[in-house]
Protein backbone atom coordinates (compact mmCIF):
# COMPACT_ATOMS: atom_id res chain seq x y z
CA UNK A 1 0.00 0.00 0.00
CA UNK A 2 1.39 3.48 -0.87
CA UNK A 3 2.75 5.59 1.97
CA UNK A 4 0.02 8.20 1.53
CA UNK A 5 -2.70 5.55 1.90
CA UNK A 6 -1.12 4.16 5.07
CA UNK A 7 -0.82 7.66 6.51
CA UNK A 8 -4.44 8.46 5.63
CA UNK A 9 -5.50 5.25 7.39
CA UNK A 10 -3.57 6.26 10.51
CA UNK A 11 -5.26 9.69 10.48
CA UNK A 12 -8.68 7.99 10.20
CA UNK A 13 -7.88 5.56 13.03
CA UNK A 14 -6.81 8.40 15.32
CA UNK A 15 -9.93 10.43 14.47
CA UNK A 16 -12.06 7.38 15.29
CA UNK A 17 -10.30 6.89 18.63
CA UNK A 18 -11.10 10.51 19.51
CA UNK A 19 -14.75 10.22 18.38
CA UNK A 20 -17.74 9.54 20.70
CA UNK A 21 -17.62 5.92 19.51
CA UNK A 22 -13.89 5.67 20.18
CA UNK A 23 -11.66 5.08 23.20
CA UNK A 24 -12.42 6.82 26.53
CA UNK A 25 -8.71 7.24 27.28
CA UNK A 26 -7.90 8.79 23.90
CA UNK A 27 -10.89 11.15 24.17
CA UNK A 28 -9.64 12.45 27.52
CA UNK A 29 -6.17 13.42 26.26
CA UNK A 30 -5.17 17.06 25.87
CA UNK A 31 -2.15 18.73 24.30
CA UNK A 32 -0.70 19.09 27.78
CA UNK A 33 -1.31 15.49 28.87
CA UNK A 34 0.31 14.13 25.72
CA UNK A 35 3.65 15.88 26.22
CA UNK A 36 5.02 13.13 28.48
CA UNK A 37 4.17 10.46 25.91
CA UNK A 38 5.82 12.45 23.09
CA UNK A 39 9.03 12.62 25.13
CA UNK A 40 8.84 8.92 26.06
CA UNK A 41 8.38 7.85 22.45
CA UNK A 42 11.30 10.02 21.33
CA UNK A 43 13.54 8.37 23.92
CA UNK A 44 12.38 4.90 22.83
CA UNK A 45 13.28 5.73 19.22
CA UNK A 46 16.79 6.75 20.34
CA UNK A 47 17.09 3.62 22.47
CA UNK A 48 16.22 1.35 19.53
CA UNK A 49 18.79 3.13 17.35
CA UNK A 50 21.55 2.83 19.94
CA UNK A 51 20.77 -0.87 20.44
CA UNK A 52 20.90 -1.40 16.67
CA UNK A 53 17.45 -3.04 16.83
CA UNK A 54 15.85 -2.16 13.49
CA UNK A 55 12.76 -4.28 14.18
CA UNK A 56 12.10 -2.30 17.35
CA UNK A 57 12.94 0.93 15.51
CA UNK A 58 10.18 0.27 12.97
CA UNK A 59 7.64 0.03 15.79
CA UNK A 60 9.02 3.00 17.72
CA UNK A 61 8.98 5.25 14.65
CA UNK A 62 5.35 4.28 14.15
CA UNK A 63 4.55 5.16 17.76
CA UNK A 64 6.35 8.49 17.38
CA UNK A 65 4.39 9.36 14.24
CA UNK A 66 1.16 8.34 16.00
CA UNK A 67 1.85 10.86 18.77
CA UNK A 68 2.23 13.62 16.16
CA UNK A 69 -1.02 12.67 14.44
CA UNK A 70 -2.83 12.51 17.79
CA UNK A 71 -1.56 15.98 18.73
CA UNK A 72 -2.74 17.32 15.37
CA UNK A 73 -6.16 15.71 15.85
CA UNK A 74 -6.56 17.42 19.24
CA UNK A 75 -5.48 20.72 17.67
CA UNK A 76 -8.02 20.24 14.85
CA UNK A 77 -10.79 19.71 17.40
CA UNK A 78 -9.73 23.01 19.02
CA UNK A 79 -10.06 24.71 15.63
CA UNK A 80 -6.34 25.47 15.42
CA UNK A 81 -5.01 23.42 12.48
CA UNK A 82 -5.19 19.98 10.87
CA UNK A 83 -2.47 17.39 10.39
CA UNK A 84 -2.16 18.25 6.69
CA UNK A 85 -1.41 21.85 7.66
CA UNK A 86 1.47 20.70 9.86
CA UNK A 87 2.82 18.43 7.10
CA UNK A 88 2.55 21.18 4.50
CA UNK A 89 4.32 23.64 6.80
CA UNK A 90 7.29 21.36 7.44
CA UNK A 91 7.62 20.41 3.74
CA UNK A 92 7.55 24.08 2.73
CA UNK A 93 10.14 24.88 5.40
CA UNK A 94 12.46 22.08 4.26
CA UNK A 95 12.34 23.33 0.67
CA UNK A 96 12.80 26.95 1.75
CA UNK A 97 15.75 26.22 4.05
CA UNK A 98 17.57 24.08 1.51
CA UNK A 99 18.28 26.65 -1.20
CA UNK A 100 21.36 24.57 -2.04
CA UNK A 101 19.03 21.71 -3.07
CA UNK A 102 15.82 23.37 -4.30
CA UNK A 103 15.31 26.37 -6.54
CA UNK A 104 12.71 28.98 -5.64
CA UNK A 105 10.16 27.21 -7.83
CA UNK A 106 10.78 23.92 -5.99
CA UNK A 107 12.77 22.23 -8.76
CA UNK A 108 16.15 20.68 -7.97
CA UNK A 109 19.38 22.47 -8.74
CA UNK A 110 21.52 20.90 -11.42
CA UNK A 111 24.16 18.56 -9.96
CA UNK A 112 26.95 20.87 -11.17
CA UNK A 113 25.28 24.06 -9.97
CA UNK A 114 27.38 26.42 -7.86
CA UNK A 115 24.32 26.85 -5.66
CA UNK A 116 24.77 23.37 -4.23
CA UNK A 117 26.47 23.09 -0.84
CA UNK A 118 29.98 21.58 -1.08
CA UNK A 119 29.91 20.10 2.44
CA UNK A 120 27.70 19.34 5.42
CA UNK A 121 29.10 22.37 7.27
CA UNK A 122 28.24 24.62 4.34
CA UNK A 123 24.73 23.15 4.20
CA UNK A 124 24.21 23.78 7.92
CA UNK A 125 25.49 27.33 7.54
CA UNK A 126 22.98 28.01 4.76
CA UNK A 127 20.18 26.51 6.88
CA UNK A 128 21.08 28.81 9.79
CA UNK A 129 21.33 31.84 7.47
CA UNK A 130 17.94 31.12 5.93
CA UNK A 131 16.41 30.63 9.38
CA UNK A 132 17.80 33.97 10.58
CA UNK A 133 16.54 35.74 7.47
CA UNK A 134 13.05 34.33 8.00
CA UNK A 135 12.99 35.61 11.56
CA UNK A 136 14.17 39.07 10.50
CA UNK A 137 11.53 39.21 7.77
CA UNK A 138 8.87 38.30 10.33
CA UNK A 139 10.13 41.00 12.68
CA UNK A 140 11.19 38.46 15.30
CA UNK A 141 14.05 39.28 17.66
CA UNK A 142 15.52 36.19 19.25
CA UNK A 143 18.17 36.43 21.97
CA UNK A 144 21.24 34.25 21.56
CA UNK A 145 20.00 31.67 24.05
CA UNK A 146 16.36 31.89 23.04
CA UNK A 147 14.31 29.14 21.44
CA UNK A 148 15.88 26.12 23.18
CA UNK A 149 13.09 23.95 24.63
CA UNK A 150 13.14 23.78 28.42
CA UNK A 151 11.95 20.18 28.09
CA UNK A 152 15.34 19.09 26.69
CA UNK A 153 17.36 16.83 29.02
CA UNK A 154 19.25 19.25 31.27
CA UNK A 155 22.71 18.03 30.26
CA UNK A 156 21.90 18.33 26.56
CA UNK A 157 20.41 21.80 27.08
CA UNK A 158 23.55 22.89 28.93
CA UNK A 159 25.62 21.68 25.98
CA UNK A 160 23.47 23.62 23.50
CA UNK A 161 23.37 26.77 25.64
CA UNK A 162 27.16 26.83 25.89
CA UNK A 163 27.45 26.18 22.15
CA UNK A 164 25.22 29.18 21.43
CA UNK A 165 27.25 31.37 23.80
CA UNK A 166 30.49 30.19 22.18
CA UNK A 167 29.05 31.09 18.79
CA UNK A 168 29.12 34.78 19.74
CA UNK A 169 32.61 34.58 21.27
CA UNK A 170 31.78 33.85 24.92
CA UNK A 171 33.99 30.82 25.35
CA UNK A 172 37.21 29.44 26.82
CA UNK A 173 40.21 29.48 24.51
CA UNK A 174 41.32 25.90 25.23
CA UNK A 175 39.74 22.72 26.55
CA UNK A 176 42.42 22.77 29.28
CA UNK A 177 40.92 26.04 30.53
CA UNK A 178 37.60 24.27 31.07
CA UNK A 179 39.38 21.50 32.98
CA UNK A 180 40.71 24.19 35.33
CA UNK A 181 37.18 25.51 35.72
CA UNK A 182 35.95 22.01 36.59
CA UNK A 183 38.64 21.69 39.27
CA UNK A 184 37.49 25.04 40.67
CA UNK A 185 33.87 23.87 40.76
CA UNK A 186 34.86 20.59 42.45
CA UNK A 187 36.71 22.55 45.15
CA UNK A 188 33.68 24.79 45.71
CA UNK A 189 31.44 21.73 46.00
CA UNK A 190 33.87 20.13 48.44
CA UNK A 191 33.66 23.21 50.65
CA UNK A 192 29.91 22.73 50.88
CA UNK A 193 30.27 19.06 51.85
CA UNK A 194 32.58 19.07 54.90
CA UNK A 195 33.43 15.72 56.45
CA UNK A 196 30.93 14.54 59.05
CA UNK A 197 28.43 17.37 58.54
CA UNK A 198 25.20 17.65 56.57
CA UNK A 199 25.63 20.08 53.66
CA UNK A 200 23.27 22.97 52.98
CA UNK A 201 20.93 21.36 50.37
CA UNK A 202 20.33 24.55 48.39
CA UNK A 203 24.02 25.47 48.26
CA UNK A 204 25.05 21.90 47.39
CA UNK A 205 22.49 21.81 44.57
CA UNK A 206 23.78 25.10 43.18
CA UNK A 207 27.42 24.01 43.25
CA UNK A 208 26.56 20.62 41.73
CA UNK A 209 24.71 22.40 38.93
CA UNK A 210 27.72 24.63 38.25
CA UNK A 211 29.97 21.55 38.11
CA UNK A 212 27.69 19.72 35.66
CA UNK A 213 27.41 22.82 33.48
CA UNK A 214 31.22 23.09 33.34
CA UNK A 215 31.43 19.41 32.40
CA UNK A 216 28.94 20.02 29.56
CA UNK A 217 31.22 22.82 28.36
CA UNK A 218 34.22 20.51 28.35
CA UNK A 219 32.24 17.97 26.33
CA UNK A 220 31.51 20.66 23.76
CA UNK A 221 35.16 21.74 23.56
CA UNK A 222 36.16 18.10 22.99
CA UNK A 223 33.47 17.59 20.33
CA UNK A 224 31.58 15.09 22.49
CA UNK A 225 27.80 15.19 22.86
CA UNK A 226 27.46 14.75 26.65
CA UNK A 227 24.02 13.15 26.67
CA UNK A 228 25.20 10.37 24.36
CA UNK A 229 28.43 9.94 26.34
CA UNK A 230 26.51 9.62 29.59
CA UNK A 231 24.08 7.10 28.07
CA UNK A 232 27.05 4.96 27.05
CA UNK A 233 28.53 5.27 30.54
CA UNK A 234 25.18 4.21 32.01
CA UNK A 235 25.11 1.14 29.78
CA UNK A 236 28.69 0.25 30.68
CA UNK A 237 27.96 0.56 34.41
CA UNK A 238 24.79 -1.52 34.04
CA UNK A 239 26.63 -4.23 32.09
CA UNK A 240 29.45 -4.47 34.64
CA UNK A 241 27.14 -4.31 37.67
CA UNK A 242 24.91 -7.08 36.25
CA UNK A 243 27.99 -9.24 35.63
CA UNK A 244 29.25 -8.61 39.16
CA UNK A 245 25.85 -9.44 40.67
CA UNK A 246 25.58 -12.65 38.62
CA UNK A 247 29.06 -13.78 39.73
CA UNK A 248 28.18 -13.14 43.37
CA UNK A 249 24.87 -15.00 43.14
CA UNK A 250 26.56 -17.95 41.40
CA UNK A 251 29.07 -18.14 44.27
CA UNK A 252 26.20 -18.54 46.76
CA UNK A 253 26.67 -15.12 48.35
CA UNK A 254 24.42 -12.07 48.71
CA UNK A 255 25.58 -8.56 47.88
CA UNK A 256 23.84 -7.21 50.97
CA UNK A 257 26.03 -9.41 53.19
CA UNK A 258 29.34 -8.43 51.62
CA UNK A 259 31.67 -5.65 52.73
CA UNK A 260 32.37 -2.69 50.46
CA UNK A 261 35.94 -3.91 50.02
CA UNK A 262 34.72 -7.35 48.87
CA UNK A 263 32.31 -5.72 46.43
CA UNK A 264 35.05 -3.52 45.02
CA UNK A 265 37.32 -6.55 44.55
CA UNK A 266 34.53 -8.32 42.64
CA UNK A 267 33.98 -5.16 40.58
CA UNK A 268 37.66 -5.04 39.62
CA UNK A 269 37.53 -8.68 38.53
CA UNK A 270 34.61 -7.90 36.23
CA UNK A 271 36.44 -4.88 34.78
CA UNK A 272 39.55 -6.94 34.05
CA UNK A 273 37.46 -9.62 32.32
């Protein structure tokens, strides 16, 4: 079945679910209540990609598209717009912001045309230029750090905020300078957590935030996306911890009964393996 027919069927199914004859749960959803599910589905798409599970990815992409159609259906019922309006808007934007691919009339540039972008960096630069021109034409004034969704994972948002600031010259010269800043933040956090005393929660939270923000800056200077790096570290820790726990269970012991030193020795054995 053609893609358009499958998409039309999905739109009809969603409209039916929202109808009086449809599903009580779907009828109760609002734009606000659906935000958590949109974020969850996006994370599940990323998870399938990182696991290399293309079968799961097929399903997760479908779920992600469903959330978009459901949001558009709710918006249509509010009299705001329909799903075809959203699709038309994004298609028009893609054509408009790729002047190195499409001519003004929508036709493709010739393969040898000088209008074509010679590299990915050049293409991104043209996208950003076109985006800025559209905002100026619309009379929009956007601050340097404006427009980043607050719903982004905090570490990723810190990375993007620092990247925007660096784009206008507010940046460290070298990655080593950021390392010095991280040492400074660690020392400030250590001052808040004296041995044997309970730290001031508000102050500790502030200093921890400063430390994490500095670490996000170092990731940017090193060309590392921190959210992806932390996900990989999480997976590595999970893999090693599971292996350690399995080895302990197989030996007839319980982790709860072991000393910290014994656990650390077992952990080192797993790492060496």
